[in-house]
Amino acid sequence: MDYEILFIENLLSSYVFQPNTPNLFARLQYYRARLKNTKSSKEEIRSRISTHESNLRGMSECIDTACDLTYYSKNDRL
């Protein structure tokens, strides 16, 4: 995902677009804003996955099905 984001950032900053394209500046700004939101979401998701991985270490200590189902439920929500 990091490489794709970098590629799109470079593409949006390049001069490959036709200058006479209608609403070019507004459209590029729109995509830059979306990319910024995507980068923010990416960091949040990575953090949640990391926390979830840490919590999964406790799954091996489960001795009953209810405990396992709790971990499965958390995994599904993530």
PDB file of N, CA and C in Angstrom:
ATOM      1  N   MET A   1       0.817  -1.180   0.000  1.00  0.00           N
ATOM      2  CA  MET A   1       0.000   0.000   0.000  1.00  0.00           C
ATOM      3  C   MET A   1       0.874   1.263   0.000  1.00  0.00           C
ATOM      4  N   ASP A   2       1.995   1.201   0.687  1.00  0.00           N
ATOM      5  CA  ASP A   2       2.877   2.371   0.741  1.00  0.00           C
ATOM      6  C   ASP A   2       3.371   2.763  -0.648  1.00  0.00           C
ATOM      7  N   TYR A   3       3.735   1.773  -1.445  1.00  0.00           N
ATOM      8  CA  TYR A   3       4.238   2.061  -2.787  1.00  0.00           C
ATOM      9  C   TYR A   3       3.142   2.645  -3.680  1.00  0.00           C
ATOM     10  N   GLU A   4       1.938   2.138  -3.535  1.00  0.00           N
ATOM     11  CA  GLU A   4       0.838   2.642  -4.344  1.00  0.00           C
ATOM     12  C   GLU A   4       0.525   4.092  -3.981  1.00  0.00           C
ATOM     13  N   ILE A   5       0.538   4.402  -2.697  1.00  0.00           N
ATOM     14  CA  ILE A   5       0.282   5.774  -2.262  1.00  0.00           C
ATOM     15  C   ILE A   5       1.366   6.713  -2.783  1.00  0.00           C
ATOM     16  N   LEU A   6       2.602   6.279  -2.683  1.00  0.00           N
ATOM     17  CA  LEU A   6       3.712   7.085  -3.197  1.00  0.00           C
ATOM     18  C   LEU A   6       3.577   7.302  -4.700  1.00  0.00           C
ATOM     19  N   PHE A   7       3.205   6.251  -5.417  1.00  0.00           N
ATOM     20  CA  PHE A   7       3.009   6.371  -6.863  1.00  0.00           C
ATOM     21  C   PHE A   7       1.925   7.399  -7.176  1.00  0.00           C
ATOM     22  N   ILE A   8       0.805   7.317  -6.494  1.00  0.00           N
ATOM     23  CA  ILE A   8      -0.300   8.235  -6.759  1.00  0.00           C
ATOM     24  C   ILE A   8       0.085   9.669  -6.385  1.00  0.00           C
ATOM     25  N   GLU A   9       0.805   9.839  -5.274  1.00  0.00           N
ATOM     26  CA  GLU A   9       1.273  11.174  -4.903  1.00  0.00           C
ATOM     27  C   GLU A   9       2.155  11.760  -6.000  1.00  0.00           C
ATOM     28  N   ASN A  10       3.080  10.958  -6.491  1.00  0.00           N
ATOM     29  CA  ASN A  10       3.963  11.427  -7.565  1.00  0.00           C
ATOM     30  C   ASN A  10       3.191  11.722  -8.842  1.00  0.00           C
ATOM     31  N   LEU A  11       2.221  10.900  -9.135  1.00  0.00           N
ATOM     32  CA  LEU A  11       1.406  11.114 -10.332  1.00  0.00           C
ATOM     33  C   LEU A  11       0.620  12.417 -10.225  1.00  0.00           C
ATOM     34  N   LEU A  12       0.012  12.657  -9.079  1.00  0.00           N
ATOM     35  CA  LEU A  12      -0.771  13.885  -8.909  1.00  0.00           C
ATOM     36  C   LEU A  12       0.103  15.133  -8.931  1.00  0.00           C
ATOM     37  N   SER A  13       1.368  14.990  -8.603  1.00  0.00           N
ATOM     38  CA  SER A  13       2.281  16.132  -8.598  1.00  0.00           C
ATOM     39  C   SER A  13       3.005  16.323  -9.927  1.00  0.00           C
ATOM     40  N   SER A  14       2.818  15.397 -10.842  1.00  0.00           N
ATOM     41  CA  SER A  14       3.524  15.471 -12.123  1.00  0.00           C
ATOM     42  C   SER A  14       2.766  16.376 -13.094  1.00  0.00           C
ATOM     43  N   TYR A  15       3.353  16.565 -14.237  1.00  0.00           N
ATOM     44  CA  TYR A  15       2.754  17.417 -15.258  1.00  0.00           C
ATOM     45  C   TYR A  15       2.298  16.591 -16.462  1.00  0.00           C
ATOM     46  N   VAL A  16       1.755  15.409 -16.200  1.00  0.00           N
ATOM     47  CA  VAL A  16       1.318  14.545 -17.295  1.00  0.00           C
ATOM     48  C   VAL A  16      -0.102  14.855 -17.754  1.00  0.00           C
ATOM     49  N   PHE A  17      -0.810  15.664 -16.990  1.00  0.00           N
ATOM     50  CA  PHE A  17      -2.201  15.969 -17.334  1.00  0.00           C
ATOM     51  C   PHE A  17      -2.265  17.123 -18.330  1.00  0.00           C
ATOM     52  N   GLN A  18      -3.212  17.062 -19.213  1.00  0.00           N
ATOM     53  CA  GLN A  18      -3.397  18.122 -20.196  1.00  0.00           C
ATOM     54  C   GLN A  18      -3.852  19.398 -19.486  1.00  0.00           C
ATOM     55  N   PRO A  19      -3.160  20.497 -19.693  1.00  0.00           N
ATOM     56  CA  PRO A  19      -3.509  21.725 -18.983  1.00  0.00           C
ATOM     57  C   PRO A  19      -4.887  22.268 -19.324  1.00  0.00           C
ATOM     58  N   ASN A  20      -5.420  21.923 -20.471  1.00  0.00           N
ATOM     59  CA  ASN A  20      -6.742  22.434 -20.849  1.00  0.00           C
ATOM     60  C   ASN A  20      -7.880  21.517 -20.394  1.00  0.00           C
ATOM     61  N   THR A  21      -7.601  20.580 -19.515  1.00  0.00           N
ATOM     62  CA  THR A  21      -8.631  19.696 -18.978  1.00  0.00           C
ATOM     63  C   THR A  21      -9.570  20.506 -18.086  1.00  0.00           C
ATOM     64  N   PRO A  22     -10.878  20.410 -18.323  1.00  0.00           N
ATOM     65  CA  PRO A  22     -11.824  21.173 -17.495  1.00  0.00           C
ATOM     66  C   PRO A  22     -11.701  20.797 -16.012  1.00  0.00           C
ATOM     67  N   ASN A  23     -11.679  21.804 -15.165  1.00  0.00           N
ATOM     68  CA  ASN A  23     -11.644  21.626 -13.702  1.00  0.00           C
ATOM     69  C   ASN A  23     -10.431  20.825 -13.235  1.00  0.00           C
ATOM     70  N   LEU A  24      -9.333  20.902 -13.958  1.00  0.00           N
ATOM     71  CA  LEU A  24      -8.157  20.113 -13.621  1.00  0.00           C
ATOM     72  C   LEU A  24      -7.675  20.399 -12.201  1.00  0.00           C
ATOM     73  N   PHE A  25      -7.505  21.665 -11.858  1.00  0.00           N
ATOM     74  CA  PHE A  25      -6.979  22.010 -10.540  1.00  0.00           C
ATOM     75  C   PHE A  25      -7.906  21.491  -9.434  1.00  0.00           C
ATOM     76  N   ALA A  26      -9.195  21.700  -9.580  1.00  0.00           N
ATOM     77  CA  ALA A  26     -10.151  21.257  -8.560  1.00  0.00           C
ATOM     78  C   ALA A  26     -10.132  19.740  -8.424  1.00  0.00           C
ATOM     79  N   ARG A  27     -10.048  19.054  -9.538  1.00  0.00           N
ATOM     80  CA  ARG A  27     -10.034  17.591  -9.491  1.00  0.00           C
ATOM     81  C   ARG A  27      -8.761  17.073  -8.846  1.00  0.00           C
ATOM     82  N   LEU A  28      -7.617  17.693  -9.168  1.00  0.00           N
ATOM     83  CA  LEU A  28      -6.365  17.271  -8.539  1.00  0.00           C
ATOM     84  C   LEU A  28      -6.398  17.524  -7.033  1.00  0.00           C
ATOM     85  N   GLN A  29      -6.948  18.648  -6.634  1.00  0.00           N
ATOM     86  CA  GLN A  29      -7.063  18.960  -5.202  1.00  0.00           C
ATOM     87  C   GLN A  29      -7.970  17.949  -4.500  1.00  0.00           C
ATOM     88  N   TYR A  30      -9.048  17.579  -5.163  1.00  0.00           N
ATOM     89  CA  TYR A  30      -9.973  16.588  -4.611  1.00  0.00           C
ATOM     90  C   TYR A  30      -9.257  15.254  -4.379  1.00  0.00           C
ATOM     91  N   TYR A  31      -8.490  14.823  -5.368  1.00  0.00           N
ATOM     92  CA  TYR A  31      -7.772  13.554  -5.230  1.00  0.00           C
ATOM     93  C   TYR A  31      -6.654  13.640  -4.192  1.00  0.00           C
ATOM     94  N   ARG A  32      -6.013  14.787  -4.078  1.00  0.00           N
ATOM     95  CA  ARG A  32      -4.993  14.961  -3.032  1.00  0.00           C
ATOM     96  C   ARG A  32      -5.619  14.867  -1.644  1.00  0.00           C
ATOM     97  N   ALA A  33      -6.796  15.459  -1.485  1.00  0.00           N
ATOM     98  CA  ALA A  33      -7.497  15.384  -0.194  1.00  0.00           C
ATOM     99  C   ALA A  33      -7.896  13.945   0.122  1.00  0.00           C
ATOM    100  N   ARG A  34      -8.383  13.236  -0.868  1.00  0.00           N
ATOM    101  CA  ARG A  34      -8.744  11.826  -0.657  1.00  0.00           C
ATOM    102  C   ARG A  34      -7.526  10.994  -0.300  1.00  0.00           C
ATOM    103  N   LEU A  35      -6.411  11.275  -0.941  1.00  0.00           N
ATOM    104  CA  LEU A  35      -5.174  10.553  -0.661  1.00  0.00           C
ATOM    105  C   LEU A  35      -4.711  10.827   0.771  1.00  0.00           C
ATOM    106  N   LYS A  36      -4.842  12.058   1.209  1.00  0.00           N
ATOM    107  CA  LYS A  36      -4.482  12.406   2.581  1.00  0.00           C
ATOM    108  C   LYS A  36      -5.350  11.625   3.576  1.00  0.00           C
ATOM    109  N   ASN A  37      -6.637  11.531   3.308  1.00  0.00           N
ATOM    110  CA  ASN A  37      -7.535  10.755   4.175  1.00  0.00           C
ATOM    111  C   ASN A  37      -7.169   9.271   4.158  1.00  0.00           C
ATOM    112  N   THR A  38      -6.794   8.779   3.005  1.00  0.00           N
ATOM    113  CA  THR A  38      -6.394   7.371   2.890  1.00  0.00           C
ATOM    114  C   THR A  38      -5.149   7.100   3.718  1.00  0.00           C
ATOM    115  N   LYS A  39      -4.189   8.006   3.671  1.00  0.00           N
ATOM    116  CA  LYS A  39      -2.959   7.836   4.453  1.00  0.00           C
ATOM    117  C   LYS A  39      -3.278   7.834   5.947  1.00  0.00           C
ATOM    118  N   SER A  40      -4.174   8.696   6.356  1.00  0.00           N
ATOM    119  CA  SER A  40      -4.568   8.747   7.757  1.00  0.00           C
ATOM    120  C   SER A  40      -5.260   7.448   8.173  1.00  0.00           C
ATOM    121  N   SER A  41      -6.159   6.970   7.337  1.00  0.00           N
ATOM    122  CA  SER A  41      -6.868   5.709   7.615  1.00  0.00           C
ATOM    123  C   SER A  41      -5.901   4.544   7.666  1.00  0.00           C
ATOM    124  N   LYS A  42      -4.927   4.556   6.779  1.00  0.00           N
ATOM    125  CA  LYS A  42      -3.937   3.481   6.726  1.00  0.00           C
ATOM    126  C   LYS A  42      -3.196   3.368   8.055  1.00  0.00           C
ATOM    127  N   GLU A  43      -2.794   4.495   8.602  1.00  0.00           N
ATOM    128  CA  GLU A  43      -2.068   4.482   9.876  1.00  0.00           C
ATOM    129  C   GLU A  43      -2.964   3.980  11.005  1.00  0.00           C
ATOM    130  N   GLU A  44      -4.213   4.390  10.999  1.00  0.00           N
ATOM    131  CA  GLU A  44      -5.151   3.927  12.026  1.00  0.00           C
ATOM    132  C   GLU A  44      -5.357   2.415  11.926  1.00  0.00           C
ATOM    133  N   ILE A  45      -5.514   1.919  10.724  1.00  0.00           N
ATOM    134  CA  ILE A  45      -5.729   0.483  10.520  1.00  0.00           C
ATOM    135  C   ILE A  45      -4.495  -0.300  10.941  1.00  0.00           C
ATOM    136  N   ARG A  46      -3.316   0.191  10.586  1.00  0.00           N
ATOM    137  CA  ARG A  46      -2.090  -0.497  11.003  1.00  0.00           C
ATOM    138  C   ARG A  46      -1.987  -0.568  12.523  1.00  0.00           C
ATOM    139  N   SER A  47      -2.344   0.508  13.178  1.00  0.00           N
ATOM    140  CA  SER A  47      -2.297   0.536  14.634  1.00  0.00           C
ATOM    141  C   SER A  47      -3.283  -0.468  15.229  1.00  0.00           C
ATOM    142  N   ARG A  48      -4.496  -0.510  14.689  1.00  0.00           N
ATOM    143  CA  ARG A  48      -5.505  -1.452  15.183  1.00  0.00           C
ATOM    144  C   ARG A  48      -5.073  -2.895  14.951  1.00  0.00           C
ATOM    145  N   ILE A  49      -4.459  -3.175  13.804  1.00  0.00           N
ATOM    146  CA  ILE A  49      -3.995  -4.532  13.517  1.00  0.00           C
ATOM    147  C   ILE A  49      -2.878  -4.915  14.478  1.00  0.00           C
ATOM    148  N   SER A  50      -1.974  -4.003  14.731  1.00  0.00           N
ATOM    149  CA  SER A  50      -0.875  -4.276  15.655  1.00  0.00           C
ATOM    150  C   SER A  50      -1.395  -4.592  17.055  1.00  0.00           C
ATOM    151  N   THR A  51      -2.354  -3.799  17.513  1.00  0.00           N
ATOM    152  CA  THR A  51      -2.963  -4.046  18.823  1.00  0.00           C
ATOM    153  C   THR A  51      -3.663  -5.392  18.835  1.00  0.00           C
ATOM    154  N   HIS A  52      -4.358  -5.691  17.764  1.00  0.00           N
ATOM    155  CA  HIS A  52      -5.080  -6.962  17.674  1.00  0.00           C
ATOM    156  C   HIS A  52      -4.105  -8.136  17.690  1.00  0.00           C
ATOM    157  N   GLU A  53      -2.996  -8.017  16.989  1.00  0.00           N
ATOM    158  CA  GLU A  53      -1.993  -9.078  16.990  1.00  0.00           C
ATOM    159  C   GLU A  53      -1.445  -9.306  18.402  1.00  0.00           C
ATOM    160  N   SER A  54      -1.226  -8.237  19.118  1.00  0.00           N
ATOM    161  CA  SER A  54      -0.746  -8.374  20.495  1.00  0.00           C
ATOM    162  C   SER A  54      -1.770  -9.090  21.360  1.00  0.00           C
ATOM    163  N   ASN A  55      -3.037  -8.756  21.157  1.00  0.00           N
ATOM    164  CA  ASN A  55      -4.096  -9.393  21.938  1.00  0.00           C
ATOM    165  C   ASN A  55      -4.270 -10.867  21.585  1.00  0.00           C
ATOM    166  N   LEU A  56      -3.971 -11.232  20.349  1.00  0.00           N
ATOM    167  CA  LEU A  56      -4.135 -12.633  19.923  1.00  0.00           C
ATOM    168  C   LEU A  56      -3.177 -13.574  20.645  1.00  0.00           C
ATOM    169  N   ARG A  57      -2.104 -13.033  21.175  1.00  0.00           N
ATOM    170  CA  ARG A  57      -1.174 -13.893  21.911  1.00  0.00           C
ATOM    171  C   ARG A  57      -1.855 -14.546  23.108  1.00  0.00           C
ATOM    172  N   GLY A  58      -2.860 -13.884  23.643  1.00  0.00           N
ATOM    173  CA  GLY A  58      -3.592 -14.448  24.769  1.00  0.00           C
ATOM    174  C   GLY A  58      -4.556 -15.542  24.360  1.00  0.00           C
ATOM    175  N   MET A  59      -4.806 -15.692  23.089  1.00  0.00           N
ATOM    176  CA  MET A  59      -5.749 -16.698  22.609  1.00  0.00           C
ATOM    177  C   MET A  59      -5.284 -18.107  22.942  1.00  0.00           C
ATOM    178  N   SER A  60      -3.984 -18.327  22.966  1.00  0.00           N
ATOM    179  CA  SER A  60      -3.479 -19.664  23.266  1.00  0.00           C
ATOM    180  C   SER A  60      -3.774 -20.071  24.711  1.00  0.00           C
ATOM    181  N   GLU A  61      -4.091 -19.106  25.545  1.00  0.00           N
ATOM    182  CA  GLU A  61      -4.402 -19.399  26.942  1.00  0.00           C
ATOM    183  C   GLU A  61      -5.873 -19.724  27.169  1.00  0.00           C
ATOM    184  N   CYS A  62      -6.680 -19.597  26.122  1.00  0.00           N
ATOM    185  CA  CYS A  62      -8.113 -19.898  26.246  1.00  0.00           C
ATOM    186  C   CYS A  62      -8.303 -21.385  26.517  1.00  0.00           C
ATOM    187  N   ILE A  63      -9.221 -21.670  27.440  1.00  0.00           N
ATOM    188  CA  ILE A  63      -9.493 -23.071  27.751  1.00  0.00           C
ATOM    189  C   ILE A  63     -10.920 -23.469  27.398  1.00  0.00           C
ATOM    190  N   ASP A  64     -11.734 -22.490  26.980  1.00  0.00           N
ATOM    191  CA  ASP A  64     -13.102 -22.839  26.613  1.00  0.00           C
ATOM    192  C   ASP A  64     -13.495 -22.148  25.304  1.00  0.00           C
ATOM    193  N   THR A  65     -14.591 -22.599  24.759  1.00  0.00           N
ATOM    194  CA  THR A  65     -15.052 -22.089  23.469  1.00  0.00           C
ATOM    195  C   THR A  65     -15.482 -20.637  23.555  1.00  0.00           C
ATOM    196  N   ALA A  66     -16.062 -20.211  24.659  1.00  0.00           N
ATOM    197  CA  ALA A  66     -16.525 -18.832  24.807  1.00  0.00           C
ATOM    198  C   ALA A  66     -15.361 -17.855  24.664  1.00  0.00           C
ATOM    199  N   CYS A  67     -14.241 -18.205  25.238  1.00  0.00           N
ATOM    200  CA  CYS A  67     -13.048 -17.366  25.132  1.00  0.00           C
ATOM    201  C   CYS A  67     -12.594 -17.287  23.682  1.00  0.00           C
ATOM    202  N   ASP A  68     -12.561 -18.414  22.991  1.00  0.00           N
ATOM    203  CA  ASP A  68     -12.176 -18.434  21.579  1.00  0.00           C
ATOM    204  C   ASP A  68     -13.125 -17.573  20.746  1.00  0.00           C
ATOM    205  N   LEU A  69     -14.424 -17.681  21.031  1.00  0.00           N
ATOM    206  CA  LEU A  69     -15.407 -16.917  20.266  1.00  0.00           C
ATOM    207  C   LEU A  69     -15.224 -15.417  20.445  1.00  0.00           C
ATOM    208  N   THR A  70     -14.772 -15.012  21.611  1.00  0.00           N
ATOM    209  CA  THR A  70     -14.497 -13.593  21.848  1.00  0.00           C
ATOM    210  C   THR A  70     -13.399 -13.112  20.910  1.00  0.00           C
ATOM    211  N   TYR A  71     -12.334 -13.892  20.799  1.00  0.00           N
ATOM    212  CA  TYR A  71     -11.248 -13.526  19.892  1.00  0.00           C
ATOM    213  C   TYR A  71     -11.706 -13.527  18.441  1.00  0.00           C
ATOM    214  N   TYR A  72     -12.496 -14.519  18.061  1.00  0.00           N
ATOM    215  CA  TYR A  72     -13.009 -14.580  16.692  1.00  0.00           C
ATOM    216  C   TYR A  72     -13.886 -13.376  16.391  1.00  0.00           C
ATOM    217  N   SER A  73     -14.705 -12.984  17.348  1.00  0.00           N
ATOM    218  CA  SER A  73     -15.597 -11.843  17.172  1.00  0.00           C
ATOM    219  C   SER A  73     -14.788 -10.555  16.988  1.00  0.00           C
ATOM    220  N   LYS A  74     -13.761 -10.366  17.806  1.00  0.00           N
ATOM    221  CA  LYS A  74     -12.907  -9.181  17.680  1.00  0.00           C
ATOM    222  C   LYS A  74     -12.212  -9.166  16.325  1.00  0.00           C
ATOM    223  N   ASN A  75     -11.769 -10.339  15.888  1.00  0.00           N
ATOM    224  CA  ASN A  75     -11.101 -10.454  14.593  1.00  0.00           C
ATOM    225  C   ASN A  75     -12.054 -10.076  13.460  1.00  0.00           C
ATOM    226  N   ASP A  76     -13.279 -10.560  13.524  1.00  0.00           N
ATOM    227  CA  ASP A  76     -14.260 -10.259  12.492  1.00  0.00           C
ATOM    228  C   ASP A  76     -14.591  -8.761  12.431  1.00  0.00           C
ATOM    229  N   ARG A  77     -14.688  -8.118  13.611  1.00  0.00           N
ATOM    230  CA  ARG A  77     -14.990  -6.685  13.640  1.00  0.00           C
ATOM    231  C   ARG A  77     -13.852  -5.882  13.024  1.00  0.00           C
ATOM    232  N   LEU A  78     -12.632  -6.324  13.295  1.00  0.00           N
ATOM    233  CA  LEU A  78     -11.495  -5.613  12.741  1.00  0.00           C
ATOM    234  C   LEU A  78     -11.475  -5.736  11.231  1.00  0.00           C
TER     235      LEU A  78
END
